PDB file of N, CA and C in Angstrom:
ATOM      1  N   MET A   1      30.403  95.459 156.986  1.00  0.00           N
ATOM      2  CA  MET A   1      31.687  95.626 155.891  1.00  0.00           C
ATOM      3  C   MET A   1      30.852  95.383 154.164  1.00  0.00           C
ATOM      4  N   GLY A   2      30.378  94.901 154.244  1.00  0.00           N
ATOM      5  CA  GLY A   2      29.506  94.304 153.312  1.00  0.00           C
ATOM      6  C   GLY A   2      28.085  93.016 153.310  1.00  0.00           C
ATOM      7  N   ASP A   3      27.612  93.189 152.746  1.00  0.00           N
ATOM      8  CA  ASP A   3      26.429  92.272 152.716  1.00  0.00           C
ATOM      9  C   ASP A   3      27.257  90.726 151.698  1.00  0.00           C
ATOM     10  N   LEU A   4      26.105  89.650 152.757  1.00  0.00           N
ATOM     11  CA  LEU A   4      27.252  88.282 152.313  1.00  0.00           C
ATOM     12  C   LEU A   4      27.014  88.234 150.779  1.00  0.00           C
ATOM     13  N   GLU A   5      26.122  88.421 150.158  1.00  0.00           N
ATOM     14  CA  GLU A   5      25.286  87.908 148.908  1.00  0.00           C
ATOM     15  C   GLU A   5      26.060  89.232 147.734  1.00  0.00           C
ATOM     16  N   LEU A   6      26.860  90.198 148.471  1.00  0.00           N
ATOM     17  CA  LEU A   6      27.616  91.272 147.778  1.00  0.00           C
ATOM     18  C   LEU A   6      28.604  90.188 147.409  1.00  0.00           C
ATOM     19  N   LEU A   7      29.081  89.897 148.669  1.00  0.00           N
ATOM     20  CA  LEU A   7      30.665  89.660 148.875  1.00  0.00           C
ATOM     21  C   LEU A   7      30.620  88.162 148.274  1.00  0.00           C
ATOM     22  N   ASP A   8      29.819  87.602 148.091  1.00  0.00           N
ATOM     23  CA  ASP A   8      29.713  86.479 147.362  1.00  0.00           C
ATOM     24  C   ASP A   8      30.316  86.708 145.756  1.00  0.00           C
ATOM     25  N   SER A   9      29.195  87.889 145.209  1.00  0.00           N
ATOM     26  CA  SER A   9      29.155  88.438 144.062  1.00  0.00           C
ATOM     27  C   SER A   9      31.186  88.548 143.773  1.00  0.00           C
ATOM     28  N   LEU A  10      31.073  89.901 144.785  1.00  0.00           N
ATOM     29  CA  LEU A  10      32.486  89.937 144.553  1.00  0.00           C
ATOM     30  C   LEU A  10      33.762  89.261 144.238  1.00  0.00           C
ATOM     31  N   SER A  11      33.361  87.989 145.209  1.00  0.00           N
ATOM     32  CA  SER A  11      34.380  86.584 144.510  1.00  0.00           C
ATOM     33  C   SER A  11      34.529  86.410 143.827  1.00  0.00           C
ATOM     34  N   ARG A  12      32.996  86.019 143.108  1.00  0.00           N
ATOM     35  CA  ARG A  12      33.507  85.194 141.488  1.00  0.00           C
ATOM     36  C   ARG A  12      33.722  86.335 140.773  1.00  0.00           C
ATOM     37  N   THR A  13      33.721  87.693 141.089  1.00  0.00           N
ATOM     38  CA  THR A  13      33.677  88.553 139.330  1.00  0.00           C
ATOM     39  C   THR A  13      35.841  88.839 139.661  1.00  0.00           C
ATOM     40  N   THR A  14      35.792  89.398 138.590  1.00  0.00           N
ATOM     41  CA  THR A  14      37.479  89.793 137.733  1.00  0.00           C
ATOM     42  C   THR A  14      38.518  90.652 138.190  1.00  0.00           C
ATOM     43  N   VAL A  15      36.766  91.476 137.689  1.00  0.00           N
ATOM     44  CA  VAL A  15      37.301  93.967 137.885  1.00  0.00           C
ATOM     45  C   VAL A  15      36.518  93.878 138.974  1.00  0.00           C
ATOM     46  N   TRP A  16      36.979  94.757 139.658  1.00  0.00           N
ATOM     47  CA  TRP A  16      36.916  95.617 140.672  1.00  0.00           C
ATOM     48  C   TRP A  16      37.151  97.360 140.866  1.00  0.00           C
ATOM     49  N   LEU A  17      36.838  97.615 140.813  1.00  0.00           N
ATOM     50  CA  LEU A  17      36.557  99.018 141.097  1.00  0.00           C
ATOM     51  C   LEU A  17      36.625  99.678 142.221  1.00  0.00           C
ATOM     52  N   ALA A  18      37.411 100.429 142.679  1.00  0.00           N
ATOM     53  CA  ALA A  18      37.614 101.239 143.820  1.00  0.00           C
ATOM     54  C   ALA A  18      37.903 102.813 144.126  1.00  0.00           C
ATOM     55  N   ASP A  19      37.077 103.211 145.481  1.00  0.00           N
ATOM     56  CA  ASP A  19      37.163 104.241 145.343  1.00  0.00           C
ATOM     57  C   ASP A  19      37.467 104.766 146.276  1.00  0.00           C
ATOM     58  N   GLY A  20      37.752 106.291 147.262  1.00  0.00           N
ATOM     59  CA  GLY A  20      37.832 107.116 148.361  1.00  0.00           C
ATOM     60  C   GLY A  20      36.689 108.047 148.151  1.00  0.00           C
ATOM     61  N   ILE A  21      36.105 108.538 149.072  1.00  0.00           N
ATOM     62  CA  ILE A  21      35.566 109.777 149.104  1.00  0.00           C
ATOM     63  C   ILE A  21      35.508 110.232 150.485  1.00  0.00           C
ATOM     64  N   PHE A  22      36.267 111.421 150.060  1.00  0.00           N
ATOM     65  CA  PHE A  22      35.978 112.536 151.557  1.00  0.00           C
ATOM     66  C   PHE A  22      35.104 113.035 151.849  1.00  0.00           C
ATOM     67  N   LYS A  23      34.612 113.671 151.395  1.00  0.00           N
ATOM     68  CA  LYS A  23      33.245 114.619 151.589  1.00  0.00           C
ATOM     69  C   LYS A  23      32.513 114.674 152.330  1.00  0.00           C
ATOM     70  N   ILE A  24      31.571 113.227 152.580  1.00  0.00           N
ATOM     71  CA  ILE A  24      30.568 112.756 152.980  1.00  0.00           C
ATOM     72  C   ILE A  24      30.538 112.008 154.207  1.00  0.00           C
ATOM     73  N   VAL A  25      32.358 111.942 154.663  1.00  0.00           N
ATOM     74  CA  VAL A  25      32.324 111.001 156.058  1.00  0.00           C
ATOM     75  C   VAL A  25      31.835 111.658 156.996  1.00  0.00           C
ATOM     76  N   PRO A  26      31.658 110.583 158.517  1.00  0.00           N
ATOM     77  CA  PRO A  26      30.686 111.085 159.703  1.00  0.00           C
ATOM     78  C   PRO A  26      32.189 111.830 160.218  1.00  0.00           C
ATOM     79  N   THR A  27      32.193 112.830 161.027  1.00  0.00           N
ATOM     80  CA  THR A  27      33.156 113.632 161.659  1.00  0.00           C
ATOM     81  C   THR A  27      34.161 113.148 161.852  1.00  0.00           C
ATOM     82  N   HIS A  28      34.490 111.609 162.820  1.00  0.00           N
ATOM     83  CA  HIS A  28      35.787 111.076 163.127  1.00  0.00           C
ATOM     84  C   HIS A  28      36.484 109.885 162.215  1.00  0.00           C
ATOM     85  N   TYR A  29      35.608 110.611 160.752  1.00  0.00           N
ATOM     86  CA  TYR A  29      36.718 109.565 160.096  1.00  0.00           C
ATOM     87  C   TYR A  29      37.071 110.643 158.334  1.00  0.00           C
ATOM     88  N   PHE A  30      38.448 109.703 157.968  1.00  0.00           N
ATOM     89  CA  PHE A  30      38.484 110.528 156.894  1.00  0.00           C
ATOM     90  C   PHE A  30      38.038 109.766 155.819  1.00  0.00           C
ATOM     91  N   GLN A  31      38.054 109.105 155.264  1.00  0.00           N
ATOM     92  CA  GLN A  31      37.741 108.571 154.334  1.00  0.00           C
ATOM     93  C   GLN A  31      36.835 107.395 154.391  1.00  0.00           C
ATOM     94  N   LEU A  32      35.365 107.615 153.181  1.00  0.00           N
ATOM     95  CA  LEU A  32      34.578 106.277 152.883  1.00  0.00           C
ATOM     96  C   LEU A  32      35.261 105.800 151.593  1.00  0.00           C
ATOM     97  N   TYR A  33      35.813 104.504 152.031  1.00  0.00           N
ATOM     98  CA  TYR A  33      36.243 103.590 150.657  1.00  0.00           C
ATOM     99  C   TYR A  33      35.239 102.606 150.743  1.00  0.00           C
ATOM    100  N   SER A  34      35.036 102.536 148.747  1.00  0.00           N
ATOM    101  CA  SER A  34      34.061 101.809 148.472  1.00  0.00           C
ATOM    102  C   SER A  34      35.169 100.855 147.418  1.00  0.00           C
ATOM    103  N   ILE A  35      34.645  99.486 147.381  1.00  0.00           N
ATOM    104  CA  ILE A  35      35.078  98.436 146.286  1.00  0.00           C
ATOM    105  C   ILE A  35      33.625  97.937 145.892  1.00  0.00           C
ATOM    106  N   HIS A  36      33.351  98.486 144.290  1.00  0.00           N
ATOM    107  CA  HIS A  36      32.294  97.672 143.102  1.00  0.00           C
ATOM    108  C   HIS A  36      32.941  96.975 142.514  1.00  0.00           C
ATOM    109  N   PHE A  37      32.403  96.009 142.148  1.00  0.00           N
ATOM    110  CA  PHE A  37      32.136  94.530 140.777  1.00  0.00           C
ATOM    111  C   PHE A  37      31.779  95.416 139.403  1.00  0.00           C
ATOM    112  N   THR A  38      32.182  94.935 138.511  1.00  0.00           N
ATOM    113  CA  THR A  38      31.207  94.776 137.358  1.00  0.00           C
ATOM    114  C   THR A  38      30.075  93.732 137.382  1.00  0.00           C
ATOM    115  N   TYR A  39      28.844  93.928 136.748  1.00  0.00           N
ATOM    116  CA  TYR A  39      27.973  93.103 137.271  1.00  0.00           C
ATOM    117  C   TYR A  39      27.400  92.903 135.636  1.00  0.00           C
ATOM    118  N   SER A  40      26.598  93.920 135.568  1.00  0.00           N
ATOM    119  CA  SER A  40      25.273  93.660 134.480  1.00  0.00           C
ATOM    120  C   SER A  40      25.754  95.051 133.749  1.00  0.00           C
ATOM    121  N   GLY A  41      26.165  95.549 132.337  1.00  0.00           N
ATOM    122  CA  GLY A  41      25.864  96.369 131.588  1.00  0.00           C
ATOM    123  C   GLY A  41      26.981  97.747 132.565  1.00  0.00           C
ATOM    124  N   PRO A  42      25.661  99.006 132.670  1.00  0.00           N
ATOM    125  CA  PRO A  42      26.334 100.687 133.226  1.00  0.00           C
ATOM    126  C   PRO A  42      26.250 100.010 134.793  1.00  0.00           C
ATOM    127  N   VAL A  43      25.965  98.863 135.168  1.00  0.00           N
ATOM    128  CA  VAL A  43      25.581  98.530 137.045  1.00  0.00           C
ATOM    129  C   VAL A  43      26.666  98.324 137.328  1.00  0.00           C
ATOM    130  N   ASN A  44      27.170  99.102 138.483  1.00  0.00           N
ATOM    131  CA  ASN A  44      28.525  98.281 138.928  1.00  0.00           C
ATOM    132  C   ASN A  44      28.090  98.289 140.700  1.00  0.00           C
ATOM    133  N   PRO A  45      27.895  97.182 141.476  1.00  0.00           N
ATOM    134  CA  PRO A  45      26.727  97.228 142.711  1.00  0.00           C
ATOM    135  C   PRO A  45      28.359  97.777 143.486  1.00  0.00           C
ATOM    136  N   ALA A  46      28.099  98.388 144.592  1.00  0.00           N
ATOM    137  CA  ALA A  46      28.836  98.120 145.240  1.00  0.00           C
ATOM    138  C   ALA A  46      29.171  96.950 146.762  1.00  0.00           C
ATOM    139  N   ALA A  47      30.056  96.486 147.023  1.00  0.00           N
ATOM    140  CA  ALA A  47      29.923  95.387 147.790  1.00  0.00           C
ATOM    141  C   ALA A  47      30.880  95.378 148.868  1.00  0.00           C
ATOM    142  N   VAL A  48      31.511  96.432 149.317  1.00  0.00           N
ATOM    143  CA  VAL A  48      32.397  96.870 150.516  1.00  0.00           C
ATOM    144  C   VAL A  48      31.957  98.598 150.508  1.00  0.00           C
ATOM    145  N   TYR A  49      32.021  98.127 151.743  1.00  0.00           N
ATOM    146  CA  TYR A  49      32.023 100.095 152.136  1.00  0.00           C
ATOM    147  C   TYR A  49      32.888 100.102 153.457  1.00  0.00           C
ATOM    148  N   CYS A  50      34.152 100.938 153.737  1.00  0.00           N
ATOM    149  CA  CYS A  50      34.673 101.032 154.478  1.00  0.00           C
ATOM    150  C   CYS A  50      35.335 102.608 155.072  1.00  0.00           C
ATOM    151  N   LEU A  51      34.911 102.443 156.635  1.00  0.00           N
ATOM    152  CA  LEU A  51      35.350 103.946 156.778  1.00  0.00           C
ATOM    153  C   LEU A  51      36.586 104.017 157.236  1.00  0.00           C
ATOM    154  N   LEU A  52      37.580 104.701 156.656  1.00  0.00           N
ATOM    155  CA  LEU A  52      38.701 104.730 157.496  1.00  0.00           C
ATOM    156  C   LEU A  52      39.257 106.346 157.807  1.00  0.00           C
ATOM    157  N   PRO A  53      40.232 105.662 158.957  1.00  0.00           N
ATOM    158  CA  PRO A  53      40.875 107.043 160.012  1.00  0.00           C
ATOM    159  C   PRO A  53      41.803 108.015 159.279  1.00  0.00           C
ATOM    160  N   ASN A  54      42.329 107.999 158.223  1.00  0.00           N
ATOM    161  CA  ASN A  54      42.706 108.335 157.431  1.00  0.00           C
ATOM    162  C   ASN A  54      43.950 107.364 156.178  1.00  0.00           C
ATOM    163  N   LYS A  55      44.590 107.968 155.301  1.00  0.00           N
ATOM    164  CA  LYS A  55      45.040 107.084 154.269  1.00  0.00           C
ATOM    165  C   LYS A  55      46.074 106.821 153.926  1.00  0.00           C
ATOM    166  N   THR A  56      46.568 105.940 154.814  1.00  0.00           N
ATOM    167  CA  THR A  56      47.781 105.567 155.240  1.00  0.00           C
ATOM    168  C   THR A  56      48.213 103.983 154.218  1.00  0.00           C
ATOM    169  N   LYS A  57      49.383 103.655 154.383  1.00  0.00           N
ATOM    170  CA  LYS A  57      49.529 102.618 153.350  1.00  0.00           C
ATOM    171  C   LYS A  57      49.162 101.508 154.272  1.00  0.00           C
ATOM    172  N   ASP A  58      49.305 101.642 156.037  1.00  0.00           N
ATOM    173  CA  ASP A  58      49.076 100.558 157.256  1.00  0.00           C
ATOM    174  C   ASP A  58      47.366 100.411 156.654  1.00  0.00           C
ATOM    175  N   VAL A  59      46.827 101.317 157.040  1.00  0.00           N
ATOM    176  CA  VAL A  59      45.254 101.099 156.866  1.00  0.00           C
ATOM    177  C   VAL A  59      44.590 101.056 155.529  1.00  0.00           C
ATOM    178  N   TYR A  60      45.192 101.120 154.445  1.00  0.00           N
ATOM    179  CA  TYR A  60      44.516 100.416 153.421  1.00  0.00           C
ATOM    180  C   TYR A  60      44.836  98.819 153.316  1.00  0.00           C
ATOM    181  N   ASP A  61      46.591  98.587 153.533  1.00  0.00           N
ATOM    182  CA  ASP A  61      47.243  97.217 153.880  1.00  0.00           C
ATOM    183  C   ASP A  61      45.832  96.547 155.257  1.00  0.00           C
ATOM    184  N   ARG A  62      45.469  96.915 156.185  1.00  0.00           N
ATOM    185  CA  ARG A  62      44.527  96.662 157.026  1.00  0.00           C
ATOM    186  C   ARG A  62      43.345  96.245 156.377  1.00  0.00           C
ATOM    187  N   MET A  63      42.938  97.169 155.497  1.00  0.00           N
ATOM    188  CA  MET A  63      41.240  96.866 155.249  1.00  0.00           C
ATOM    189  C   MET A  63      40.993  95.763 154.241  1.00  0.00           C
ATOM    190  N   LEU A  64      42.252  95.820 153.130  1.00  0.00           N
ATOM    191  CA  LEU A  64      42.430  94.134 152.160  1.00  0.00           C
ATOM    192  C   LEU A  64      42.538  93.048 152.639  1.00  0.00           C
ATOM    193  N   ILE A  65      43.179  93.217 153.566  1.00  0.00           N
ATOM    194  CA  ILE A  65      43.854  92.115 154.638  1.00  0.00           C
ATOM    195  C   ILE A  65      42.544  91.215 155.559  1.00  0.00           C
ATOM    196  N   GLU A  66      41.547  92.453 155.726  1.00  0.00           N
ATOM    197  CA  GLU A  66      40.441  91.953 156.552  1.00  0.00           C
ATOM    198  C   GLU A  66      39.110  92.016 154.728  1.00  0.00           C
ATOM    199  N   ILE A  67      39.291  92.598 153.847  1.00  0.00           N
ATOM    200  CA  ILE A  67      38.648  91.961 152.749  1.00  0.00           C
ATOM    201  C   ILE A  67      38.903  90.143 152.243  1.00  0.00           C
ATOM    202  N   ILE A  68      39.621  89.823 152.517  1.00  0.00           N
ATOM    203  CA  ILE A  68      40.577  89.137 152.145  1.00  0.00           C
ATOM    204  C   ILE A  68      39.889  87.640 152.860  1.00  0.00           C
ATOM    205  N   ARG A  69      39.861  88.084 154.260  1.00  0.00           N
ATOM    206  CA  ARG A  69      39.481  87.380 155.502  1.00  0.00           C
ATOM    207  C   ARG A  69      38.230  86.856 154.897  1.00  0.00           C
ATOM    208  N   LEU A  70      37.398  88.219 154.944  1.00  0.00           N
ATOM    209  CA  LEU A  70      35.571  87.376 154.771  1.00  0.00           C
ATOM    210  C   LEU A  70      35.442  87.198 152.778  1.00  0.00           C
ATOM    211  N   VAL A  71      36.428  87.374 152.016  1.00  0.00           N
ATOM    212  CA  VAL A  71      36.421  86.745 150.618  1.00  0.00           C
ATOM    213  C   VAL A  71      37.775  86.176 150.394  1.00  0.00           C
ATOM    214  N   PRO A  72      37.783  85.022 150.861  1.00  0.00           N
ATOM    215  CA  PRO A  72      38.967  84.187 150.622  1.00  0.00           C
ATOM    216  C   PRO A  72      39.167  83.634 149.336  1.00  0.00           C
ATOM    217  N   THR A  73      38.031  83.883 148.708  1.00  0.00           N
ATOM    218  CA  THR A  73      37.919  83.093 147.571  1.00  0.00           C
ATOM    219  C   THR A  73      38.188  84.003 146.124  1.00  0.00           C
ATOM    220  N   CYS A  74      38.564  85.330 146.609  1.00  0.00           N
ATOM    221  CA  CYS A  74      38.479  86.567 145.695  1.00  0.00           C
ATOM    222  C   CYS A  74      39.498  86.512 144.049  1.00  0.00           C
ATOM    223  N   THR A  75      39.163  86.242 143.383  1.00  0.00           N
ATOM    224  CA  THR A  75      39.764  86.597 141.659  1.00  0.00           C
ATOM    225  C   THR A  75      40.033  87.993 141.178  1.00  0.00           C
ATOM    226  N   ALA A  76      40.126  88.712 141.908  1.00  0.00           N
ATOM    227  CA  ALA A  76      40.321  90.388 141.285  1.00  0.00           C
ATOM    228  C   ALA A  76      41.659  90.093 140.140  1.00  0.00           C
ATOM    229  N   TRP A  77      41.402  90.325 138.942  1.00  0.00           N
ATOM    230  CA  TRP A  77      42.205  90.153 137.965  1.00  0.00           C
ATOM    231  C   TRP A  77      42.310  91.735 137.961  1.00  0.00           C
ATOM    232  N   ILE A  78      41.641  92.575 137.507  1.00  0.00           N
ATOM    233  CA  ILE A  78      41.715  93.676 137.231  1.00  0.00           C
ATOM    234  C   ILE A  78      41.173  94.732 137.909  1.00  0.00           C
ATOM    235  N   ILE A  79      41.342  95.266 138.738  1.00  0.00           N
ATOM    236  CA  ILE A  79      41.539  96.781 139.930  1.00  0.00           C
ATOM    237  C   ILE A  79      41.771  98.015 139.038  1.00  0.00           C
ATOM    238  N   LEU A  80      40.978  98.826 138.977  1.00  0.00           N
ATOM    239  CA  LEU A  80      41.129  99.899 139.042  1.00  0.00           C
ATOM    240  C   LEU A  80      40.907 100.995 140.042  1.00  0.00           C
ATOM    241  N   THR A  81      41.125 101.905 140.241  1.00  0.00           N
ATOM    242  CA  THR A  81      41.167 102.479 141.551  1.00  0.00           C
ATOM    243  C   THR A  81      41.751 104.177 141.234  1.00  0.00           C
ATOM    244  N   ASP A  82      41.588 104.788 141.962  1.00  0.00           N
ATOM    245  CA  ASP A  82      42.272 106.263 142.398  1.00  0.00           C
ATOM    246  C   ASP A  82      43.656 106.104 142.141  1.00  0.00           C
ATOM    247  N   PHE A  83      44.263 107.244 142.086  1.00  0.00           N
ATOM    248  CA  PHE A  83      45.490 107.322 141.808  1.00  0.00           C
ATOM    249  C   PHE A  83      46.815 107.538 143.302  1.00  0.00           C
ATOM    250  N   GLU A  84      46.149 106.456 144.518  1.00  0.00           N
ATOM    251  CA  GLU A  84      46.092 107.196 145.517  1.00  0.00           C
ATOM    252  C   GLU A  84      47.300 105.547 146.325  1.00  0.00           C
ATOM    253  N   ILE A  85      47.320 105.963 147.326  1.00  0.00           N
ATOM    254  CA  ILE A  85      48.512 104.551 148.074  1.00  0.00           C
ATOM    255  C   ILE A  85      48.212 103.553 148.058  1.00  0.00           C
ATOM    256  N   SER A  86      46.656 103.571 147.997  1.00  0.00           N
ATOM    257  CA  SER A  86      45.552 102.286 147.960  1.00  0.00           C
ATOM    258  C   SER A  86      46.218 101.331 146.909  1.00  0.00           C
ATOM    259  N   MET A  87      46.691 101.663 145.657  1.00  0.00           N
ATOM    260  CA  MET A  87      47.396 100.900 143.886  1.00  0.00           C
ATOM    261  C   MET A  87      48.686 100.053 144.780  1.00  0.00           C
ATOM    262  N   PHE A  88      49.259 100.657 145.628  1.00  0.00           N
ATOM    263  CA  PHE A  88      50.590 100.248 146.595  1.00  0.00           C
ATOM    264  C   PHE A  88      50.048  98.672 147.299  1.00  0.00           C
ATOM    265  N   SER A  89      48.900  98.856 147.943  1.00  0.00           N
ATOM    266  CA  SER A  89      48.656  98.190 148.823  1.00  0.00           C
ATOM    267  C   SER A  89      48.027  97.454 148.269  1.00  0.00           C
ATOM    268  N   PHE A  90      47.030  97.241 147.379  1.00  0.00           N
ATOM    269  CA  PHE A  90      46.280  96.334 146.048  1.00  0.00           C
ATOM    270  C   PHE A  90      47.594  95.669 145.124  1.00  0.00           C
ATOM    271  N   HIS A  91      48.551  96.358 144.711  1.00  0.00           N
ATOM    272  CA  HIS A  91      49.237  95.476 144.162  1.00  0.00           C
ATOM    273  C   HIS A  91      50.188  94.310 145.450  1.00  0.00           C
ATOM    274  N   GLU A  92      50.427  94.688 146.714  1.00  0.00           N
ATOM    275  CA  GLU A  92      50.644  93.764 146.934  1.00  0.00           C
ATOM    276  C   GLU A  92      49.517  92.201 147.686  1.00  0.00           C
ATOM    277  N   GLU A  93      48.635  92.959 147.935  1.00  0.00           N
ATOM    278  CA  GLU A  93      47.772  92.086 148.358  1.00  0.00           C
ATOM    279  C   GLU A  93      47.065  91.115 147.319  1.00  0.00           C
ATOM    280  N   PHE A  94      47.058  92.120 145.993  1.00  0.00           N
ATOM    281  CA  PHE A  94      47.202  91.374 144.609  1.00  0.00           C
ATOM    282  C   PHE A  94      47.732  90.972 143.952  1.00  0.00           C
ATOM    283  N   PRO A  95      49.377  90.130 143.871  1.00  0.00           N
ATOM    284  CA  PRO A  95      49.844  90.301 143.182  1.00  0.00           C
ATOM    285  C   PRO A  95      50.038  89.881 141.801  1.00  0.00           C
ATOM    286  N   SER A  96      48.745  89.385 141.095  1.00  0.00           N
ATOM    287  CA  SER A  96      48.514  88.842 139.363  1.00  0.00           C
ATOM    288  C   SER A  96      47.654  89.757 139.499  1.00  0.00           C
ATOM    289  N   ALA A  97      47.346  90.287 139.919  1.00  0.00           N
ATOM    290  CA  ALA A  97      45.987  91.337 139.146  1.00  0.00           C
ATOM    291  C   ALA A  97      46.994  92.495 138.198  1.00  0.00           C
ATOM    292  N   THR A  98      45.762  92.933 137.557  1.00  0.00           N
ATOM    293  CA  THR A  98      46.392  94.095 136.638  1.00  0.00           C
ATOM    294  C   THR A  98      45.776  95.243 137.519  1.00  0.00           C
ATOM    295  N   ILE A  99      46.390  96.306 138.120  1.00  0.00           N
ATOM    296  CA  ILE A  99      46.592  97.430 138.630  1.00  0.00           C
ATOM    297  C   ILE A  99      46.000  98.671 137.998  1.00  0.00           C
ATOM    298  N   SER A 100      45.113  99.463 137.954  1.00  0.00           N
ATOM    299  CA  SER A 100      45.332 100.836 136.924  1.00  0.00           C
ATOM    300  C   SER A 100      44.720 101.514 137.302  1.00  0.00           C
ATOM    301  N   GLY A 101      44.932 102.732 137.289  1.00  0.00           N
ATOM    302  CA  GLY A 101      44.299 103.968 137.556  1.00  0.00           C
ATOM    303  C   GLY A 101      43.511 104.874 137.000  1.00  0.00           C
ATOM    304  N   CYS A 102      42.280 105.281 137.388  1.00  0.00           N
ATOM    305  CA  CYS A 102      41.428 105.973 136.766  1.00  0.00           C
ATOM    306  C   CYS A 102      41.539 106.984 136.024  1.00  0.00           C
ATOM    307  N   TYR A 103      41.341 107.052 134.884  1.00  0.00           N
ATOM    308  CA  TYR A 103      41.818 108.548 134.799  1.00  0.00           C
ATOM    309  C   TYR A 103      40.434 110.000 134.896  1.00  0.00           C
ATOM    310  N   PHE A 104      39.797 108.971 135.104  1.00  0.00           N
ATOM    311  CA  PHE A 104      38.694 110.184 135.932  1.00  0.00           C
ATOM    312  C   PHE A 104      38.832 110.686 136.540  1.00  0.00           C
ATOM    313  N   HIS A 105      40.179 110.266 137.381  1.00  0.00           N
ATOM    314  CA  HIS A 105      40.848 111.313 138.833  1.00  0.00           C
ATOM    315  C   HIS A 105      41.776 111.842 138.259  1.00  0.00           C
ATOM    316  N   LEU A 106      42.379 112.375 137.040  1.00  0.00           N
ATOM    317  CA  LEU A 106      43.189 113.313 136.707  1.00  0.00           C
ATOM    318  C   LEU A 106      42.423 114.355 136.022  1.00  0.00           C
ATOM    319  N   TRP A 107      41.399 114.726 136.029  1.00  0.00           N
ATOM    320  CA  TRP A 107      40.358 115.965 135.923  1.00  0.00           C
ATOM    321  C   TRP A 107      40.292 116.269 136.987  1.00  0.00           C
TER     322      TRP A 107
END
């Protein structure tokens, strides 16, 4: 799911950037979902990549539960994501975080 050093960095950052890609996934999957973190200037390394079978709330819930299991000390305060069902899952799993839609996806 992610490199241990990158997961450690994810646990220490307060801003996450999350997005799903549909066009470059292997045949048996529907979406490649990645979670990046703010680092230094314009650099936003990816800490997590997940191949997902669909984009249902249940799948996003399970993905986030697994990430929390791997990174139990995560302290995301701000999560920028696309305007998809994943926003609801982030809100449930990180109730104290500010969840914002990325305006790039409105274009």
